[in-house]
Amino acid sequence: MLTAMGRIFESATAGRVKNVDTPRQFKSEKDREIYIVYRQRIEEFLHLFLLWDAMQAGGAPPPNVMGHGSEEFANTLRTATIGWLASLVDKDRSALNVFDLWLKIFPERASTSSGFAMKSSLI
């Protein structure tokens, strides 16, 4: 049974969640689904950033009936990119909190040199 995030990812990828190769083994299918969603969202975040960068540099905007130029598109892409980044670190239970995922992927890095350990609701 897929979690809500898994269902969203599955619908966006035409049911290919089960066939996605992951470089790591996970303790649960839910953890694996979260990792797959994370990979997809990071890729999309980078796409948004690259589009913003191209528009910011004066790249040609797509044809549009509004007559907007690269500056308007750059502003929209900046807002979308910031929102996408915020969605990766949202601490709400229904959101993808990338810090929880990173603690699972890199448990050896859970403590800092000062001895402070990050707490995670998923561990």
PDB file of N, CA and C in Angstrom:
ATOM      1  N   MET A   1       0.850  -1.184   0.000  1.00  0.00           N
ATOM      2  CA  MET A   1       0.000   0.000   0.000  1.00  0.00           C
ATOM      3  C   MET A   1       0.890   1.240   0.000  1.00  0.00           C
ATOM      4  N   LEU A   2       0.651   2.134  -0.933  1.00  0.00           N
ATOM      5  CA  LEU A   2       1.464   3.335  -1.046  1.00  0.00           C
ATOM      6  C   LEU A   2       0.992   4.413  -0.084  1.00  0.00           C
ATOM      7  N   THR A   3       1.938   5.191   0.401  1.00  0.00           N
ATOM      8  CA  THR A   3       1.599   6.356   1.212  1.00  0.00           C
ATOM      9  C   THR A   3       1.081   7.441   0.280  1.00  0.00           C
ATOM     10  N   ALA A   4       0.608   8.550   0.865  1.00  0.00           N
ATOM     11  CA  ALA A   4       0.104   9.661   0.046  1.00  0.00           C
ATOM     12  C   ALA A   4       1.188  10.176  -0.888  1.00  0.00           C
ATOM     13  N   MET A   5       2.419  10.322  -0.384  1.00  0.00           N
ATOM     14  CA  MET A   5       3.503  10.808  -1.234  1.00  0.00           C
ATOM     15  C   MET A   5       3.787   9.807  -2.341  1.00  0.00           C
ATOM     16  N   GLY A   6       3.750   8.527  -2.011  1.00  0.00           N
ATOM     17  CA  GLY A   6       3.975   7.495  -3.012  1.00  0.00           C
ATOM     18  C   GLY A   6       2.916   7.516  -4.093  1.00  0.00           C
ATOM     19  N   ARG A   7       1.644   7.733  -3.710  1.00  0.00           N
ATOM     20  CA  ARG A   7       0.557   7.803  -4.687  1.00  0.00           C
ATOM     21  C   ARG A   7       0.736   9.005  -5.608  1.00  0.00           C
ATOM     22  N   ILE A   8       1.133  10.130  -5.044  1.00  0.00           N
ATOM     23  CA  ILE A   8       1.362  11.323  -5.867  1.00  0.00           C
ATOM     24  C   ILE A   8       2.471  11.053  -6.869  1.00  0.00           C
ATOM     25  N   PHE A   9       3.569  10.467  -6.391  1.00  0.00           N
ATOM     26  CA  PHE A   9       4.689  10.185  -7.279  1.00  0.00           C
ATOM     27  C   PHE A   9       4.276   9.165  -8.326  1.00  0.00           C
ATOM     28  N   GLU A  10       3.539   8.132  -7.912  1.00  0.00           N
ATOM     29  CA  GLU A  10       3.129   7.093  -8.845  1.00  0.00           C
ATOM     30  C   GLU A  10       2.258   7.667  -9.954  1.00  0.00           C
ATOM     31  N   SER A  11       1.314   8.535  -9.589  1.00  0.00           N
ATOM     32  CA  SER A  11       0.454   9.109 -10.614  1.00  0.00           C
ATOM     33  C   SER A  11       1.257  10.002 -11.557  1.00  0.00           C
ATOM     34  N   ALA A  12       2.269  10.646 -11.044  1.00  0.00           N
ATOM     35  CA  ALA A  12       3.093  11.533 -11.874  1.00  0.00           C
ATOM     36  C   ALA A  12       4.038  10.744 -12.770  1.00  0.00           C
ATOM     37  N   THR A  13       4.302   9.489 -12.420  1.00  0.00           N
ATOM     38  CA  THR A  13       5.252   8.702 -13.205  1.00  0.00           C
ATOM     39  C   THR A  13       4.596   7.473 -13.820  1.00  0.00           C
ATOM     40  N   ALA A  14       3.287   7.502 -13.958  1.00  0.00           N
ATOM     41  CA  ALA A  14       2.522   6.436 -14.611  1.00  0.00           C
ATOM     42  C   ALA A  14       2.787   5.064 -13.993  1.00  0.00           C
ATOM     43  N   GLY A  15       2.848   5.003 -12.675  1.00  0.00           N
ATOM     44  CA  GLY A  15       2.937   3.722 -11.989  1.00  0.00           C
ATOM     45  C   GLY A  15       4.311   3.077 -11.970  1.00  0.00           C
ATOM     46  N   ARG A  16       5.359   3.828 -12.167  1.00  0.00           N
ATOM     47  CA  ARG A  16       6.694   3.239 -12.216  1.00  0.00           C
ATOM     48  C   ARG A  16       7.415   3.237 -10.876  1.00  0.00           C
ATOM     49  N   VAL A  17       6.745   3.540  -9.762  1.00  0.00           N
ATOM     50  CA  VAL A  17       7.398   3.602  -8.454  1.00  0.00           C
ATOM     51  C   VAL A  17       8.072   2.290  -8.113  1.00  0.00           C
ATOM     52  N   LYS A  18       7.398   1.196  -8.332  1.00  0.00           N
ATOM     53  CA  LYS A  18       7.933  -0.116  -7.962  1.00  0.00           C
ATOM     54  C   LYS A  18       9.166  -0.483  -8.783  1.00  0.00           C
ATOM     55  N   ASN A  19       9.318   0.115  -9.958  1.00  0.00           N
ATOM     56  CA  ASN A  19      10.420  -0.242 -10.848  1.00  0.00           C
ATOM     57  C   ASN A  19      11.609   0.706 -10.770  1.00  0.00           C
ATOM     58  N   VAL A  20      11.558   1.681  -9.873  1.00  0.00           N
ATOM     59  CA  VAL A  20      12.654   2.638  -9.750  1.00  0.00           C
ATOM     60  C   VAL A  20      13.798   1.986  -8.970  1.00  0.00           C
ATOM     61  N   ASP A  21      14.982   1.991  -9.565  1.00  0.00           N
ATOM     62  CA  ASP A  21      16.154   1.462  -8.873  1.00  0.00           C
ATOM     63  C   ASP A  21      16.653   2.482  -7.864  1.00  0.00           C
ATOM     64  N   THR A  22      16.997   2.015  -6.683  1.00  0.00           N
ATOM     65  CA  THR A  22      17.558   2.891  -5.663  1.00  0.00           C
ATOM     66  C   THR A  22      18.933   2.361  -5.300  1.00  0.00           C
ATOM     67  N   PRO A  23      19.885   3.250  -5.048  1.00  0.00           N
ATOM     68  CA  PRO A  23      21.243   2.817  -4.738  1.00  0.00           C
ATOM     69  C   PRO A  23      21.385   2.261  -3.319  1.00  0.00           C
ATOM     70  N   ARG A  24      20.327   2.337  -2.540  1.00  0.00           N
ATOM     71  CA  ARG A  24      20.375   1.909  -1.141  1.00  0.00           C
ATOM     72  C   ARG A  24      19.236   0.948  -0.849  1.00  0.00           C
ATOM     73  N   GLN A  25      19.443   0.176   0.213  1.00  0.00           N
ATOM     74  CA  GLN A  25      18.387  -0.682   0.731  1.00  0.00           C
ATOM     75  C   GLN A  25      17.683   0.073   1.851  1.00  0.00           C
ATOM     76  N   PHE A  26      16.372  -0.093   1.960  1.00  0.00           N
ATOM     77  CA  PHE A  26      15.609   0.593   2.982  1.00  0.00           C
ATOM     78  C   PHE A  26      14.903  -0.419   3.870  1.00  0.00           C
ATOM     79  N   LYS A  27      14.695  -0.027   5.125  1.00  0.00           N
ATOM     80  CA  LYS A  27      14.060  -0.915   6.089  1.00  0.00           C
ATOM     81  C   LYS A  27      12.592  -1.130   5.790  1.00  0.00           C
ATOM     82  N   SER A  28      11.963  -0.173   5.115  1.00  0.00           N
ATOM     83  CA  SER A  28      10.542  -0.300   4.818  1.00  0.00           C
ATOM     84  C   SER A  28      10.257   0.248   3.426  1.00  0.00           C
ATOM     85  N   GLU A  29       9.121  -0.171   2.881  1.00  0.00           N
ATOM     86  CA  GLU A  29       8.686   0.334   1.585  1.00  0.00           C
ATOM     87  C   GLU A  29       8.372   1.828   1.676  1.00  0.00           C
ATOM     88  N   LYS A  30       7.864   2.273   2.813  1.00  0.00           N
ATOM     89  CA  LYS A  30       7.571   3.696   2.995  1.00  0.00           C
ATOM     90  C   LYS A  30       8.849   4.527   2.884  1.00  0.00           C
ATOM     91  N   ASP A  31       9.929   4.068   3.517  1.00  0.00           N
ATOM     92  CA  ASP A  31      11.208   4.792   3.426  1.00  0.00           C
ATOM     93  C   ASP A  31      11.689   4.846   1.978  1.00  0.00           C
ATOM     94  N   ARG A  32      11.526   3.755   1.256  1.00  0.00           N
ATOM     95  CA  ARG A  32      11.929   3.708  -0.147  1.00  0.00           C
ATOM     96  C   ARG A  32      11.098   4.696  -0.965  1.00  0.00           C
ATOM     97  N   GLU A  33       9.793   4.743  -0.732  1.00  0.00           N
ATOM     98  CA  GLU A  33       8.925   5.675  -1.438  1.00  0.00           C
ATOM     99  C   GLU A  33       9.329   7.117  -1.160  1.00  0.00           C
ATOM    100  N   ILE A  34       9.636   7.423   0.084  1.00  0.00           N
ATOM    101  CA  ILE A  34      10.059   8.776   0.443  1.00  0.00           C
ATOM    102  C   ILE A  34      11.335   9.136  -0.303  1.00  0.00           C
ATOM    103  N   TYR A  35      12.268   8.193  -0.388  1.00  0.00           N
ATOM    104  CA  TYR A  35      13.519   8.424  -1.102  1.00  0.00           C
ATOM    105  C   TYR A  35      13.254   8.694  -2.587  1.00  0.00           C
ATOM    106  N   ILE A  36      12.359   7.924  -3.193  1.00  0.00           N
ATOM    107  CA  ILE A  36      12.049   8.104  -4.609  1.00  0.00           C
ATOM    108  C   ILE A  36      11.418   9.472  -4.846  1.00  0.00           C
ATOM    109  N   VAL A  37      10.494   9.872  -3.988  1.00  0.00           N
ATOM    110  CA  VAL A  37       9.879  11.202  -4.098  1.00  0.00           C
ATOM    111  C   VAL A  37      10.943  12.280  -3.942  1.00  0.00           C
ATOM    112  N   TYR A  38      11.850  12.093  -2.986  1.00  0.00           N
ATOM    113  CA  TYR A  38      12.945  13.051  -2.771  1.00  0.00           C
ATOM    114  C   TYR A  38      13.782  13.204  -4.046  1.00  0.00           C
ATOM    115  N   ARG A  39      14.173  12.083  -4.656  1.00  0.00           N
ATOM    116  CA  ARG A  39      14.982  12.150  -5.876  1.00  0.00           C
ATOM    117  C   ARG A  39      14.266  12.928  -6.973  1.00  0.00           C
ATOM    118  N   GLN A  40      12.986  12.643  -7.165  1.00  0.00           N
ATOM    119  CA  GLN A  40      12.208  13.332  -8.191  1.00  0.00           C
ATOM    120  C   GLN A  40      12.109  14.821  -7.886  1.00  0.00           C
ATOM    121  N   ARG A  41      11.853  15.162  -6.630  1.00  0.00           N
ATOM    122  CA  ARG A  41      11.663  16.569  -6.270  1.00  0.00           C
ATOM    123  C   ARG A  41      12.968  17.351  -6.357  1.00  0.00           C
ATOM    124  N   ILE A  42      14.084  16.737  -6.007  1.00  0.00           N
ATOM    125  CA  ILE A  42      15.380  17.412  -6.148  1.00  0.00           C
ATOM    126  C   ILE A  42      15.663  17.687  -7.622  1.00  0.00           C
ATOM    127  N   GLU A  43      15.370  16.713  -8.471  1.00  0.00           N
ATOM    128  CA  GLU A  43      15.577  16.902  -9.899  1.00  0.00           C
ATOM    129  C   GLU A  43      14.707  18.053 -10.418  1.00  0.00           C
ATOM    130  N   GLU A  44      13.450  18.088 -10.002  1.00  0.00           N
ATOM    131  CA  GLU A  44      12.558  19.159 -10.432  1.00  0.00           C
ATOM    132  C   GLU A  44      12.994  20.509  -9.867  1.00  0.00           C
ATOM    133  N   PHE A  45      13.501  20.517  -8.640  1.00  0.00           N
ATOM    134  CA  PHE A  45      14.025  21.748  -8.051  1.00  0.00           C
ATOM    135  C   PHE A  45      15.178  22.285  -8.897  1.00  0.00           C
ATOM    136  N   LEU A  46      16.068  21.404  -9.306  1.00  0.00           N
ATOM    137  CA  LEU A  46      17.197  21.830 -10.138  1.00  0.00           C
ATOM    138  C   LEU A  46      16.716  22.331 -11.502  1.00  0.00           C
ATOM    139  N   HIS A  47      15.690  21.680 -12.070  1.00  0.00           N
ATOM    140  CA  HIS A  47      15.126  22.165 -13.333  1.00  0.00           C
ATOM    141  C   HIS A  47      14.589  23.581 -13.169  1.00  0.00           C
ATOM    142  N   LEU A  48      13.833  23.812 -12.094  1.00  0.00           N
ATOM    143  CA  LEU A  48      13.296  25.152 -11.848  1.00  0.00           C
ATOM    144  C   LEU A  48      14.417  26.176 -11.716  1.00  0.00           C
ATOM    145  N   PHE A  49      15.465  25.801 -10.974  1.00  0.00           N
ATOM    146  CA  PHE A  49      16.583  26.722 -10.788  1.00  0.00           C
ATOM    147  C   PHE A  49      17.249  27.050 -12.130  1.00  0.00           C
ATOM    148  N   LEU A  50      17.469  26.028 -12.952  1.00  0.00           N
ATOM    149  CA  LEU A  50      18.121  26.255 -14.242  1.00  0.00           C
ATOM    150  C   LEU A  50      17.260  27.113 -15.158  1.00  0.00           C
ATOM    151  N   LEU A  51      15.948  26.896 -15.132  1.00  0.00           N
ATOM    152  CA  LEU A  51      15.049  27.751 -15.917  1.00  0.00           C
ATOM    153  C   LEU A  51      15.093  29.185 -15.406  1.00  0.00           C
ATOM    154  N   TRP A  52      15.075  29.353 -14.084  1.00  0.00           N
ATOM    155  CA  TRP A  52      15.160  30.700 -13.500  1.00  0.00           C
ATOM    156  C   TRP A  52      16.465  31.365 -13.925  1.00  0.00           C
ATOM    157  N   ASP A  53      17.559  30.615 -13.835  1.00  0.00           N
ATOM    158  CA  ASP A  53      18.861  31.166 -14.192  1.00  0.00           C
ATOM    159  C   ASP A  53      18.888  31.626 -15.649  1.00  0.00           C
ATOM    160  N   ALA A  54      18.288  30.834 -16.530  1.00  0.00           N
ATOM    161  CA  ALA A  54      18.240  31.207 -17.951  1.00  0.00           C
ATOM    162  C   ALA A  54      17.405  32.467 -18.158  1.00  0.00           C
ATOM    163  N   MET A  55      16.274  32.564 -17.482  1.00  0.00           N
ATOM    164  CA  MET A  55      15.422  33.753 -17.612  1.00  0.00           C
ATOM    165  C   MET A  55      16.101  34.970 -16.993  1.00  0.00           C
ATOM    166  N   GLN A  56      16.752  34.766 -15.846  1.00  0.00           N
ATOM    167  CA  GLN A  56      17.453  35.859 -15.163  1.00  0.00           C
ATOM    168  C   GLN A  56      18.547  36.435 -16.064  1.00  0.00           C
ATOM    169  N   ALA A  57      19.148  35.565 -16.855  1.00  0.00           N
ATOM    170  CA  ALA A  57      20.219  36.001 -17.754  1.00  0.00           C
ATOM    171  C   ALA A  57      19.670  36.590 -19.050  1.00  0.00           C
ATOM    172  N   GLY A  58      18.348  36.743 -19.130  1.00  0.00           N
ATOM    173  CA  GLY A  58      17.746  37.351 -20.315  1.00  0.00           C
ATOM    174  C   GLY A  58      17.388  36.365 -21.398  1.00  0.00           C
ATOM    175  N   GLY A  59      17.337  35.088 -21.062  1.00  0.00           N
ATOM    176  CA  GLY A  59      16.966  34.060 -22.035  1.00  0.00           C
ATOM    177  C   GLY A  59      15.599  34.334 -22.631  1.00  0.00           C
ATOM    178  N   ALA A  60      15.358  33.749 -23.772  1.00  0.00           N
ATOM    179  CA  ALA A  60      14.101  33.977 -24.473  1.00  0.00           C
ATOM    180  C   ALA A  60      12.944  33.294 -23.748  1.00  0.00           C
ATOM    181  N   PRO A  61      11.930  34.067 -23.366  1.00  0.00           N
ATOM    182  CA  PRO A  61      10.756  33.464 -22.729  1.00  0.00           C
ATOM    183  C   PRO A  61       9.899  32.762 -23.775  1.00  0.00           C
ATOM    184  N   PRO A  62       9.052  31.849 -23.326  1.00  0.00           N
ATOM    185  CA  PRO A  62       8.161  31.204 -24.298  1.00  0.00           C
ATOM    186  C   PRO A  62       7.157  32.217 -24.845  1.00  0.00           C
ATOM    187  N   PRO A  63       6.677  32.002 -26.059  1.00  0.00           N
ATOM    188  CA  PRO A  63       5.651  32.896 -26.592  1.00  0.00           C
ATOM    189  C   PRO A  63       4.440  32.884 -25.659  1.00  0.00           C
ATOM    190  N   ASN A  64       3.856  34.066 -25.444  1.00  0.00           N
ATOM    191  CA  ASN A  64       2.698  34.134 -24.545  1.00  0.00           C
ATOM    192  C   ASN A  64       1.827  35.312 -24.914  1.00  0.00           C
ATOM    193  N   VAL A  65       0.527  35.161 -24.697  1.00  0.00           N
ATOM    194  CA  VAL A  65      -0.434  36.203 -25.057  1.00  0.00           C
ATOM    195  C   VAL A  65      -0.343  37.419 -24.148  1.00  0.00           C
ATOM    196  N   MET A  66       0.338  37.282 -23.001  1.00  0.00           N
ATOM    197  CA  MET A  66       0.449  38.398 -22.064  1.00  0.00           C
ATOM    198  C   MET A  66       1.547  39.369 -22.463  1.00  0.00           C
ATOM    199  N   GLY A  67       2.439  38.925 -23.341  1.00  0.00           N
ATOM    200  CA  GLY A  67       3.541  39.781 -23.742  1.00  0.00           C
ATOM    201  C   GLY A  67       4.629  39.892 -22.689  1.00  0.00           C
ATOM    202  N   HIS A  68       4.659  38.954 -21.755  1.00  0.00           N
ATOM    203  CA  HIS A  68       5.668  39.000 -20.690  1.00  0.00           C
ATOM    204  C   HIS A  68       7.029  38.574 -21.220  1.00  0.00           C
ATOM    205  N   GLY A  69       8.039  39.243 -20.697  1.00  0.00           N
ATOM    206  CA  GLY A  69       9.407  38.953 -21.077  1.00  0.00           C
ATOM    207  C   GLY A  69      10.110  38.082 -20.050  1.00  0.00           C
ATOM    208  N   SER A  70      11.404  37.963 -20.221  1.00  0.00           N
ATOM    209  CA  SER A  70      12.186  37.075 -19.353  1.00  0.00           C
ATOM    210  C   SER A  70      12.156  37.520 -17.894  1.00  0.00           C
ATOM    211  N   GLU A  71      12.060  38.821 -17.620  1.00  0.00           N
ATOM    212  CA  GLU A  71      12.045  39.290 -16.234  1.00  0.00           C
ATOM    213  C   GLU A  71      10.816  38.777 -15.481  1.00  0.00           C
ATOM    214  N   GLU A  72       9.652  38.854 -16.121  1.00  0.00           N
ATOM    215  CA  GLU A  72       8.434  38.356 -15.473  1.00  0.00           C
ATOM    216  C   GLU A  72       8.499  36.845 -15.252  1.00  0.00           C
ATOM    217  N   PHE A  73       9.000  36.132 -16.249  1.00  0.00           N
ATOM    218  CA  PHE A  73       9.132  34.684 -16.096  1.00  0.00           C
ATOM    219  C   PHE A  73      10.166  34.344 -15.023  1.00  0.00           C
ATOM    220  N   ALA A  74      11.246  35.101 -14.952  1.00  0.00           N
ATOM    221  CA  ALA A  74      12.262  34.869 -13.922  1.00  0.00           C
ATOM    222  C   ALA A  74      11.661  35.061 -12.532  1.00  0.00           C
ATOM    223  N   ASN A  75      10.831  36.086 -12.355  1.00  0.00           N
ATOM    224  CA  ASN A  75      10.195  36.314 -11.055  1.00  0.00           C
ATOM    225  C   ASN A  75       9.283  35.145 -10.678  1.00  0.00           C
ATOM    226  N   THR A  76       8.496  34.660 -11.629  1.00  0.00           N
ATOM    227  CA  THR A  76       7.616  33.525 -11.375  1.00  0.00           C
ATOM    228  C   THR A  76       8.420  32.277 -11.030  1.00  0.00           C
ATOM    229  N   LEU A  77       9.467  32.035 -11.787  1.00  0.00           N
ATOM    230  CA  LEU A  77      10.305  30.857 -11.529  1.00  0.00           C
ATOM    231  C   LEU A  77      11.026  30.967 -10.189  1.00  0.00           C
ATOM    232  N   ARG A  78      11.434  32.173  -9.797  1.00  0.00           N
ATOM    233  CA  ARG A  78      12.062  32.357  -8.486  1.00  0.00           C
ATOM    234  C   ARG A  78      11.083  31.972  -7.375  1.00  0.00           C
ATOM    235  N   THR A  79       9.857  32.444  -7.486  1.00  0.00           N
ATOM    236  CA  THR A  79       8.848  32.134  -6.477  1.00  0.00           C
ATOM    237  C   THR A  79       8.581  30.633  -6.426  1.00  0.00           C
ATOM    238  N   ALA A  80       8.439  30.011  -7.586  1.00  0.00           N
ATOM    239  CA  ALA A  80       8.193  28.565  -7.639  1.00  0.00           C
ATOM    240  C   ALA A  80       9.376  27.784  -7.072  1.00  0.00           C
ATOM    241  N   THR A  81      10.592  28.217  -7.368  1.00  0.00           N
ATOM    242  CA  THR A  81      11.787  27.529  -6.879  1.00  0.00           C
ATOM    243  C   THR A  81      11.881  27.623  -5.362  1.00  0.00           C
ATOM    244  N   ILE A  82      11.610  28.783  -4.811  1.00  0.00           N
ATOM    245  CA  ILE A  82      11.645  28.952  -3.351  1.00  0.00           C
ATOM    246  C   ILE A  82      10.567  28.087  -2.705  1.00  0.00           C
ATOM    247  N   GLY A  83       9.381  28.061  -3.293  1.00  0.00           N
ATOM    248  CA  GLY A  83       8.309  27.221  -2.767  1.00  0.00           C
ATOM    249  C   GLY A  83       8.652  25.746  -2.837  1.00  0.00           C
ATOM    250  N   TRP A  84       9.277  25.333  -3.930  1.00  0.00           N
ATOM    251  CA  TRP A  84       9.668  23.927  -4.083  1.00  0.00           C
ATOM    252  C   TRP A  84      10.709  23.560  -3.027  1.00  0.00           C
ATOM    253  N   LEU A  85      11.676  24.431  -2.800  1.00  0.00           N
ATOM    254  CA  LEU A  85      12.684  24.177  -1.771  1.00  0.00           C
ATOM    255  C   LEU A  85      12.030  24.090  -0.395  1.00  0.00           C
ATOM    256  N   ALA A  86      11.122  25.012  -0.099  1.00  0.00           N
ATOM    257  CA  ALA A  86      10.437  24.988   1.194  1.00  0.00           C
ATOM    258  C   ALA A  86       9.679  23.683   1.383  1.00  0.00           C
ATOM    259  N   SER A  87       9.109  23.150   0.315  1.00  0.00           N
ATOM    260  CA  SER A  87       8.348  21.904   0.431  1.00  0.00           C
ATOM    261  C   SER A  87       9.250  20.715   0.752  1.00  0.00           C
ATOM    262  N   LEU A  88      10.528  20.819   0.450  1.00  0.00           N
ATOM    263  CA  LEU A  88      11.462  19.727   0.766  1.00  0.00           C
ATOM    264  C   LEU A  88      11.823  19.684   2.244  1.00  0.00           C
ATOM    265  N   VAL A  89      11.727  20.806   2.928  1.00  0.00           N
ATOM    266  CA  VAL A  89      12.147  20.870   4.331  1.00  0.00           C
ATOM    267  C   VAL A  89      10.976  21.094   5.286  1.00  0.00           C
ATOM    268  N   ASP A  90       9.762  21.028   4.775  1.00  0.00           N
ATOM    269  CA  ASP A  90       8.569  21.214   5.601  1.00  0.00           C
ATOM    270  C   ASP A  90       8.500  20.120   6.653  1.00  0.00           C
ATOM    271  N   LYS A  91       8.268  20.494   7.905  1.00  0.00           N
ATOM    272  CA  LYS A  91       8.251  19.541   9.010  1.00  0.00           C
ATOM    273  C   LYS A  91       6.873  18.935   9.260  1.00  0.00           C
ATOM    274  N   ASP A  92       5.877  19.318   8.463  1.00  0.00           N
ATOM    275  CA  ASP A  92       4.551  18.745   8.628  1.00  0.00           C
ATOM    276  C   ASP A  92       4.618  17.239   8.334  1.00  0.00           C
ATOM    277  N   ARG A  93       3.833  16.459   9.066  1.00  0.00           N
ATOM    278  CA  ARG A  93       3.857  14.997   8.912  1.00  0.00           C
ATOM    279  C   ARG A  93       3.517  14.546   7.503  1.00  0.00           C
ATOM    280  N   SER A  94       2.679  15.293   6.804  1.00  0.00           N
ATOM    281  CA  SER A  94       2.270  14.889   5.464  1.00  0.00           C
ATOM    282  C   SER A  94       3.254  15.351   4.386  1.00  0.00           C
ATOM    283  N   ALA A  95       4.258  16.114   4.768  1.00  0.00           N
ATOM    284  CA  ALA A  95       5.217  16.655   3.803  1.00  0.00           C
ATOM    285  C   ALA A  95       6.478  15.796   3.760  1.00  0.00           C
ATOM    286  N   LEU A  96       7.304  16.070   2.787  1.00  0.00           N
ATOM    287  CA  LEU A  96       8.595  15.405   2.672  1.00  0.00           C
ATOM    288  C   LEU A  96       9.612  16.250   3.430  1.00  0.00           C
ATOM    289  N   ASN A  97      10.044  15.777   4.592  1.00  0.00           N
ATOM    290  CA  ASN A  97      11.079  16.464   5.354  1.00  0.00           C
ATOM    291  C   ASN A  97      12.400  15.797   5.009  1.00  0.00           C
ATOM    292  N   VAL A  98      13.172  16.427   4.152  1.00  0.00           N
ATOM    293  CA  VAL A  98      14.395  15.817   3.649  1.00  0.00           C
ATOM    294  C   VAL A  98      15.399  15.523   4.769  1.00  0.00           C
ATOM    295  N   PHE A  99      15.320  16.252   5.875  1.00  0.00           N
ATOM    296  CA  PHE A  99      16.253  16.008   6.972  1.00  0.00           C
ATOM    297  C   PHE A  99      16.022  14.636   7.590  1.00  0.00           C
ATOM    298  N   ASP A 100      14.760  14.234   7.715  1.00  0.00           N
ATOM    299  CA  ASP A 100      14.468  12.894   8.219  1.00  0.00           C
ATOM    300  C   ASP A 100      15.040  11.835   7.282  1.00  0.00           C
ATOM    301  N   LEU A 101      14.877  12.050   5.985  1.00  0.00           N
ATOM    302  CA  LEU A 101      15.408  11.109   5.002  1.00  0.00           C
ATOM    303  C   LEU A 101      16.926  11.053   5.078  1.00  0.00           C
ATOM    304  N   TRP A 102      17.578  12.185   5.151  1.00  0.00           N
ATOM    305  CA  TRP A 102      19.039  12.203   5.216  1.00  0.00           C
ATOM    306  C   TRP A 102      19.554  11.469   6.452  1.00  0.00           C
ATOM    307  N   LEU A 103      18.840  11.581   7.565  1.00  0.00           N
ATOM    308  CA  LEU A 103      19.256  10.859   8.766  1.00  0.00           C
ATOM    309  C   LEU A 103      19.167   9.346   8.565  1.00  0.00           C
ATOM    310  N   LYS A 104      18.197   8.910   7.788  1.00  0.00           N
ATOM    311  CA  LYS A 104      18.079   7.482   7.503  1.00  0.00           C
ATOM    312  C   LYS A 104      19.155   7.020   6.521  1.00  0.00           C
ATOM    313  N   ILE A 105      19.436   7.839   5.538  1.00  0.00           N
ATOM    314  CA  ILE A 105      20.435   7.471   4.531  1.00  0.00           C
ATOM    315  C   ILE A 105      21.852   7.560   5.091  1.00  0.00           C
ATOM    316  N   PHE A 106      22.109   8.555   5.912  1.00  0.00           N
ATOM    317  CA  PHE A 106      23.440   8.788   6.463  1.00  0.00           C
ATOM    318  C   PHE A 106      23.404   8.781   7.995  1.00  0.00           C
ATOM    319  N   PRO A 107      23.084   7.640   8.626  1.00  0.00           N
ATOM    320  CA  PRO A 107      22.971   7.618  10.087  1.00  0.00           C
ATOM    321  C   PRO A 107      24.286   7.961  10.788  1.00  0.00           C
ATOM    322  N   GLU A 108      25.397   7.684  10.127  1.00  0.00           N
ATOM    323  CA  GLU A 108      26.698   7.996  10.726  1.00  0.00           C
ATOM    324  C   GLU A 108      26.933   9.498  10.843  1.00  0.00           C
ATOM    325  N   ARG A 109      26.162  10.289  10.135  1.00  0.00           N
ATOM    326  CA  ARG A 109      26.307  11.748  10.180  1.00  0.00           C
ATOM    327  C   ARG A 109      25.235  12.415  11.042  1.00  0.00           C
ATOM    328  N   ALA A 110      24.512  11.636  11.815  1.00  0.00           N
ATOM    329  CA  ALA A 110      23.414  12.175  12.620  1.00  0.00           C
ATOM    330  C   ALA A 110      23.904  13.073  13.742  1.00  0.00           C
ATOM    331  N   SER A 111      25.123  12.898  14.192  1.00  0.00           N
ATOM    332  CA  SER A 111      25.682  13.733  15.255  1.00  0.00           C
ATOM    333  C   SER A 111      26.723  14.665  14.666  1.00  0.00           C
ATOM    334  N   THR A 112      26.761  15.874  15.191  1.00  0.00           N
ATOM    335  CA  THR A 112      27.771  16.827  14.756  1.00  0.00           C
ATOM    336  C   THR A 112      28.994  16.694  15.651  1.00  0.00           C
ATOM    337  N   SER A 113      30.045  17.390  15.318  1.00  0.00           N
ATOM    338  CA  SER A 113      31.269  17.324  16.117  1.00  0.00           C
ATOM    339  C   SER A 113      31.062  17.864  17.533  1.00  0.00           C
ATOM    340  N   SER A 114      30.044  18.709  17.716  1.00  0.00           N
ATOM    341  CA  SER A 114      29.785  19.251  19.049  1.00  0.00           C
ATOM    342  C   SER A 114      28.956  18.300  19.907  1.00  0.00           C
ATOM    343  N   GLY A 115      28.572  17.150  19.310  1.00  0.00           N
ATOM    344  CA  GLY A 115      27.819  16.164  20.072  1.00  0.00           C
ATOM    345  C   GLY A 115      26.320  16.320  19.964  1.00  0.00           C
ATOM    346  N   PHE A 116      25.844  17.350  19.255  1.00  0.00           N
ATOM    347  CA  PHE A 116      24.410  17.567  19.090  1.00  0.00           C
ATOM    348  C   PHE A 116      23.877  16.597  18.054  1.00  0.00           C
ATOM    349  N   ALA A 117      22.874  15.830  18.419  1.00  0.00           N
ATOM    350  CA  ALA A 117      22.255  14.886  17.484  1.00  0.00           C
ATOM    351  C   ALA A 117      20.897  15.418  17.072  1.00  0.00           C
ATOM    352  N   MET A 118      20.629  15.391  15.793  1.00  0.00           N
ATOM    353  CA  MET A 118      19.330  15.812  15.301  1.00  0.00           C
ATOM    354  C   MET A 118      18.300  14.752  15.641  1.00  0.00           C
ATOM    355  N   LYS A 119      17.134  15.151  16.082  1.00  0.00           N
ATOM    356  CA  LYS A 119      16.057  14.231  16.389  1.00  0.00           C
ATOM    357  C   LYS A 119      15.198  14.078  15.144  1.00  0.00           C
ATOM    358  N   SER A 120      14.714  12.891  14.908  1.00  0.00           N
ATOM    359  CA  SER A 120      13.889  12.643  13.749  1.00  0.00           C
ATOM    360  C   SER A 120      12.662  11.842  14.145  1.00  0.00           C
ATOM    361  N   SER A 121      11.537  12.196  13.578  1.00  0.00           N
ATOM    362  CA  SER A 121      10.303  11.460  13.869  1.00  0.00           C
ATOM    363  C   SER A 121      10.235  10.162  13.098  1.00  0.00           C
ATOM    364  N   LEU A 122      11.090   9.985  12.073  1.00  0.00           N
ATOM    365  CA  LEU A 122      11.044   8.763  11.269  1.00  0.00           C
ATOM    366  C   LEU A 122      12.015   7.689  11.739  1.00  0.00           C
ATOM    367  N   ILE A 123      12.921   8.035  12.649  1.00  0.00           N
ATOM    368  CA  ILE A 123      13.921   7.044  13.090  1.00  0.00           C
ATOM    369  C   ILE A 123      13.439   6.362  14.341  1.00  0.00           C
TER     370      ILE A 123
END
